Structure formats: structure tokens, C-alpha cells
Amino acid sequence: MGIYIFGMLTTLMIEVITLSYSSKVKFDFLHIVAFILLMIVCIPIKISNLIIIIGGVLITYHQDNGRDSWLRYIIFVMYSFITTWILQVVLNFCGNKIYDWFSYNNYLGTLVCQSIIFLIQVGIIYWFKDSLEILSMSDSSKKRKMELVAIVFLAIYLIYGSTFNDNYNSWWVSIYVIGLILFWGYIRALALLETKRELDELKDFELQNIENYANKIEEMYQGLRRFRHDYLKV
């Protein structure tokens, strides 16, 4: 029981830190306590993953005073919680194949696994921080549709994780790894598309300004010619 509580608390810490760094929302002590209480309440509930996601969105929304869209709160909370869970599944499966202690069955194994997951999550956010910043500043309708696709992608993992019986095999673990790589690649591709769109808009804006400037110069030149013509006639 002690190992389970230790694992839950360290998992929550990783999830909240990942959520804070990815969403740029800084959580105070009271909201962290709210996350802990939410986790404790959800321990005996079968659909705990879904309830934790909903509760996490509400806590994040309240902490950030609703300054962003619900869609973005949902995707950041789902990303932080679900990717942490997937990494735990993959690492626990691989750890059992390497060493008996390298798993979530003891304090040392749990500590090592959670430390590795924490470093992976921080490393991923650092690697993709430029992409996340680009997406956070963009507000195009196309981007919002793509965010919905990402949420559906994460929801598939959420639904499957809520009904799975923990008998993981190499095929499912491989699917998890491939899925995560595809998801992170999707985020990067989405950011690149947004960058290209913004550059195209900036290019069109500059071309329009140049055209307007050229037209203004032409009007001034024609006015100067008319003035010169009238002056010579006098």
C-alpha cells in the first residue's frame, strides 16, 4: 500500500509539473492540494482516469482565471496525464524484462522509473518548447480543428487505459511508443504549418504595403507632372 501511495504521489507531481511547463500555468499550493485531493477521491473509482482529466481541467481553468480556451486546457491536461501514464506502462514493461527491481513493485524501482519519466517529460517539453509557443500564440480555425484531432487521439489512449487489464505485451507497448512518436511529430508538424501560414500572411501583407507605396509614389509623380505642365504653360 505504501509503494502504491508513493507511486501515485510521484506520478501526480510529474503530471502537474508537465502540465505547468507545457501550458505556462503556474500552480499555487492550494491548487496542488486540490490535485492531491482529486487523486485520493478517484483511487477507488473505476473511471478515475476520466474524472481526473475533468477535475484537472477545472483546476487548471480556475488557476489560470479562464484566460485561455477550454479546448487548450483540455489538450494540455490530457497530454500531461495520459503521456505520463503511457510512459509508465512502457518503462514498467521494459524494466521487468531487464531487472527484477526495475519496476513499480518496490520503492527503489518506483523512484528510478519515476525519475526517468520526469526527465523524459521535461526533455520533451524543452525539445518542443518552440512548437508549443507557436501554437499558444496562434488562433487560426485550422489549428483548433487540429487540436480536436489531437484530443481524440489522446482520448483513445484514455478510454483504452480505463478498460485495460494490465496484461501488457510487446505489441501493445510498441503501439504506445509509435503512438507517442506520432503525436509529438504531429505537434511539430502543426507548429510548422502555423509558422508557414503566418509567414505567408506576413509576405502578403508586405507585398500589399509595397504595392500601396508604389501606387502612392505613382500618384505623387503624376501630380508633379501635371503641376510642371501647368506651370510651364503659364
Protein backbone atom coordinates (compact mmCIF):
# COMPACT_ATOMS: atom_id res chain seq x y z
CA MET A 1 0.00 0.00 0.00
CA GLY A 2 2.86 2.36 0.84
CA ILE A 3 4.51 1.77 -2.55
CA TYR A 4 1.19 2.44 -4.29
CA ILE A 5 0.70 5.78 -2.47
CA PHE A 6 4.32 6.73 -3.15
CA GLY A 7 3.84 5.91 -6.82
CA MET A 8 0.59 7.91 -7.01
CA LEU A 9 2.11 10.98 -5.36
CA THR A 10 5.21 10.98 -7.57
CA THR A 11 3.03 10.41 -10.62
CA LEU A 12 0.88 13.39 -9.68
CA MET A 13 4.00 15.51 -9.21
CA ILE A 14 5.24 14.59 -12.70
CA GLU A 15 1.83 15.28 -14.24
CA VAL A 16 1.40 18.68 -12.57
CA ILE A 17 4.96 19.78 -13.45
CA THR A 18 4.45 18.63 -17.05
CA LEU A 19 1.12 20.46 -17.17
CA SER A 20 2.64 23.62 -15.70
CA TYR A 21 5.58 23.72 -18.11
CA SER A 22 3.53 22.87 -21.20
CA SER A 23 0.60 25.21 -20.51
CA LYS A 24 2.62 28.01 -18.82
CA VAL A 25 0.17 27.89 -15.90
CA LYS A 26 1.88 28.17 -12.50
CA PHE A 27 0.01 26.32 -9.75
CA ASP A 28 -0.08 27.63 -6.20
CA PHE A 29 -0.19 25.49 -3.05
CA LEU A 30 -3.99 25.40 -2.79
CA HIS A 31 -4.45 24.16 -6.35
CA ILE A 32 -1.76 21.49 -5.86
CA VAL A 33 -3.67 20.34 -2.76
CA ALA A 34 -6.79 20.23 -4.93
CA PHE A 35 -4.96 17.89 -7.33
CA ILE A 36 -3.93 15.65 -4.41
CA LEU A 37 -7.48 15.51 -3.05
CA LEU A 38 -8.79 14.74 -6.53
CA MET A 39 -6.35 11.85 -6.83
CA ILE A 40 -7.30 10.47 -3.39
CA VAL A 41 -11.01 10.64 -4.19
CA CYS A 42 -10.51 8.88 -7.53
CA ILE A 43 -8.47 5.92 -6.21
CA PRO A 44 -11.47 3.58 -5.64
CA ILE A 45 -13.38 4.72 -8.76
CA LYS A 46 -13.22 2.63 -11.94
CA ILE A 47 -13.42 5.61 -14.28
CA SER A 48 -10.83 7.51 -12.25
CA ASN A 49 -8.81 8.50 -15.34
CA LEU A 50 -11.76 10.33 -16.88
CA ILE A 51 -12.67 12.05 -13.60
CA ILE A 52 -9.06 13.12 -13.02
CA ILE A 53 -8.93 14.63 -16.52
CA ILE A 54 -12.18 16.56 -15.96
CA GLY A 55 -11.08 17.68 -12.49
CA GLY A 56 -7.64 18.62 -13.80
CA VAL A 57 -9.19 20.82 -16.49
CA LEU A 58 -11.38 22.59 -13.92
CA ILE A 59 -8.45 23.14 -11.53
CA THR A 60 -6.26 24.46 -14.35
CA TYR A 61 -9.04 26.71 -15.58
CA HIS A 62 -9.55 28.14 -12.10
CA GLN A 63 -5.82 28.65 -11.51
CA ASP A 64 -5.45 30.47 -14.85
CA ASN A 65 -8.64 32.52 -14.28
CA GLY A 66 -10.07 31.26 -17.57
CA ARG A 67 -7.72 33.35 -19.69
CA ASP A 68 -7.45 30.66 -22.36
CA SER A 69 -9.96 28.48 -24.22
CA TRP A 70 -11.41 25.30 -22.75
CA LEU A 71 -10.01 23.42 -25.74
CA ARG A 72 -6.44 24.30 -24.81
CA TYR A 73 -6.94 23.42 -21.13
CA ILE A 74 -8.31 20.04 -22.17
CA ILE A 75 -5.47 19.22 -24.53
CA PHE A 76 -2.74 20.23 -22.06
CA VAL A 77 -4.29 18.30 -19.16
CA MET A 78 -4.88 15.22 -21.32
CA TYR A 79 -1.37 15.41 -22.70
CA SER A 80 0.25 15.70 -19.26
CA PHE A 81 -1.73 12.90 -17.61
CA ILE A 82 -2.02 10.43 -20.49
CA THR A 83 1.57 10.62 -21.75
CA THR A 84 2.82 10.12 -18.19
CA TRP A 85 0.64 7.02 -17.89
CA ILE A 86 1.84 5.67 -21.25
CA LEU A 87 5.49 6.21 -20.32
CA GLN A 88 4.87 4.35 -17.06
CA VAL A 89 3.39 1.40 -18.94
CA VAL A 90 6.30 1.28 -21.39
CA LEU A 91 9.00 1.73 -18.76
CA ASN A 92 7.47 -0.79 -16.35
CA PHE A 93 7.17 -3.37 -19.13
CA CYS A 94 10.75 -2.82 -20.30
CA GLY A 95 12.08 -2.68 -16.74
CA ASN A 96 10.63 -6.09 -15.87
CA LYS A 97 12.46 -7.51 -18.87
CA ILE A 98 15.81 -6.10 -17.69
CA TYR A 99 15.95 -6.34 -13.88
CA ASP A 100 13.51 -7.63 -11.28
CA TRP A 101 13.83 -4.48 -9.16
CA PHE A 102 13.44 -2.12 -12.11
CA SER A 103 9.66 -1.87 -11.86
CA TYR A 104 6.89 -0.39 -9.75
CA ASN A 105 6.94 -3.31 -7.30
CA ASN A 106 9.36 -1.66 -4.84
CA TYR A 107 10.41 1.78 -3.66
CA LEU A 108 13.77 1.83 -5.45
CA GLY A 109 12.31 0.69 -8.76
CA THR A 110 9.45 3.17 -8.47
CA LEU A 111 11.84 6.01 -7.70
CA VAL A 112 14.11 5.14 -10.62
CA CYS A 113 11.21 4.72 -13.07
CA GLN A 114 9.53 7.96 -11.98
CA SER A 115 12.82 9.86 -12.20
CA ILE A 116 13.36 8.62 -15.76
CA ILE A 117 9.80 9.57 -16.75
CA PHE A 118 10.23 13.01 -15.19
CA LEU A 119 13.42 13.60 -17.20
CA ILE A 120 11.73 12.36 -20.38
CA GLN A 121 8.75 14.67 -19.91
CA VAL A 122 10.92 17.70 -19.15
CA GLY A 123 13.19 16.84 -22.09
CA ILE A 124 10.25 16.53 -24.48
CA ILE A 125 8.78 19.87 -23.38
CA TYR A 126 12.19 21.53 -23.72
CA TRP A 127 12.69 20.00 -27.17
CA PHE A 128 9.26 21.08 -28.37
CA LYS A 129 9.01 24.37 -26.46
CA ASP A 130 9.28 26.41 -29.66
CA SER A 131 6.41 24.45 -31.18
CA LEU A 132 4.29 24.89 -28.06
CA GLU A 133 4.93 28.64 -28.01
CA ILE A 134 3.99 28.94 -31.68
CA LEU A 135 0.75 27.05 -31.07
CA SER A 136 -0.05 29.07 -27.95
CA MET A 137 0.18 32.35 -29.90
CA SER A 138 -1.82 31.14 -32.88
CA ASP A 139 -5.61 31.37 -33.06
CA SER A 140 -6.49 30.07 -36.51
CA SER A 141 -9.58 27.93 -37.09
CA LYS A 142 -7.44 25.31 -38.80
CA LYS A 143 -5.29 24.99 -35.70
CA ARG A 144 -8.35 24.50 -33.49
CA LYS A 145 -9.57 21.68 -35.75
CA MET A 146 -6.16 20.03 -35.49
CA GLU A 147 -6.26 20.40 -31.71
CA LEU A 148 -9.54 18.49 -31.73
CA VAL A 149 -7.82 15.70 -33.66
CA ALA A 150 -5.07 15.62 -31.01
CA ILE A 151 -7.69 15.42 -28.24
CA VAL A 152 -9.40 12.50 -30.00
CA PHE A 153 -6.02 10.79 -30.34
CA LEU A 154 -5.37 11.19 -26.61
CA ALA A 155 -8.94 10.14 -25.77
CA ILE A 156 -8.34 6.78 -27.46
CA TYR A 157 -5.48 6.15 -25.04
CA LEU A 158 -7.64 7.34 -22.15
CA ILE A 159 -10.54 5.01 -22.98
CA TYR A 160 -8.26 2.06 -23.60
CA GLY A 161 -6.29 2.68 -20.42
CA SER A 162 -9.51 2.80 -18.38
CA THR A 163 -10.62 -0.63 -19.58
CA PHE A 164 -7.32 -2.49 -19.91
CA ASN A 165 -6.49 -5.32 -17.51
CA ASP A 166 -2.77 -4.51 -17.15
CA ASN A 167 -1.67 -7.60 -19.13
CA TYR A 168 0.56 -5.66 -21.47
CA ASN A 169 2.62 -7.35 -24.18
CA SER A 170 5.33 -6.23 -26.57
CA TRP A 171 2.84 -5.47 -29.34
CA TRP A 172 0.81 -3.06 -27.24
CA VAL A 173 3.93 -1.43 -25.82
CA SER A 174 5.23 -0.95 -29.37
CA ILE A 175 1.92 0.65 -30.34
CA TYR A 176 2.17 3.01 -27.37
CA VAL A 177 5.71 4.08 -28.34
CA ILE A 178 4.77 4.56 -32.01
CA GLY A 179 1.65 6.45 -30.98
CA LEU A 180 3.63 8.84 -28.79
CA ILE A 181 6.18 9.45 -31.55
CA LEU A 182 3.34 10.16 -33.99
CA PHE A 183 1.69 12.51 -31.51
CA TRP A 184 4.87 14.51 -30.89
CA GLY A 185 5.54 14.55 -34.64
CA TYR A 186 2.00 15.81 -35.15
CA ILE A 187 2.58 18.68 -32.70
CA ARG A 188 5.79 19.61 -34.51
CA ALA A 189 4.13 19.44 -37.94
CA LEU A 190 1.23 21.54 -36.66
CA ALA A 191 3.64 24.21 -35.43
CA LEU A 192 5.48 24.21 -38.75
CA LEU A 193 2.20 24.64 -40.63
CA GLU A 194 1.27 27.55 -38.38
CA THR A 195 4.68 29.14 -38.94
CA LYS A 196 4.30 28.78 -42.72
CA ARG A 197 0.80 30.26 -42.59
CA GLU A 198 1.97 33.23 -40.56
CA LEU A 199 4.95 33.80 -42.87
CA ASP A 200 2.65 33.67 -45.90
CA GLU A 201 0.32 36.20 -44.28
CA LEU A 202 3.28 38.43 -43.44
CA LYS A 203 4.58 38.13 -47.01
CA ASP A 204 1.18 39.04 -48.45
CA PHE A 205 0.96 41.98 -46.04
CA GLU A 206 4.40 43.25 -47.06
CA LEU A 207 3.62 42.84 -50.77
CA GLN A 208 0.38 44.76 -50.29
CA ASN A 209 2.25 47.53 -48.50
CA ILE A 210 4.83 47.70 -51.29
CA GLU A 211 2.07 47.85 -53.88
CA ASN A 212 0.28 50.60 -51.96
CA TYR A 213 3.55 52.51 -51.60
CA ALA A 214 4.27 52.18 -55.35
CA ASN A 215 0.76 53.41 -56.18
CA LYS A 216 1.23 56.38 -53.85
CA ILE A 217 4.55 57.26 -55.48
CA GLU A 218 2.93 56.99 -58.91
CA GLU A 219 0.11 59.32 -57.85
CA MET A 220 2.61 61.84 -56.49
CA TYR A 221 4.65 61.62 -59.71
CA GLN A 222 1.60 62.17 -61.89
CA GLY A 223 0.58 65.12 -59.71
CA LEU A 224 4.07 66.58 -60.04
CA ARG A 225 3.93 66.18 -63.86
CA ARG A 226 0.58 67.96 -64.02
CA PHE A 227 1.89 70.76 -61.84
CA ARG A 228 5.02 71.11 -64.01
CA HIS A 229 2.91 71.11 -67.19
CA ASP A 230 0.55 73.76 -65.84
CA TYR A 231 3.48 75.86 -64.60
CA LEU A 232 5.24 75.81 -67.99
CA LYS A 233 2.02 76.87 -69.73
CA VAL A 234 1.84 79.93 -67.51
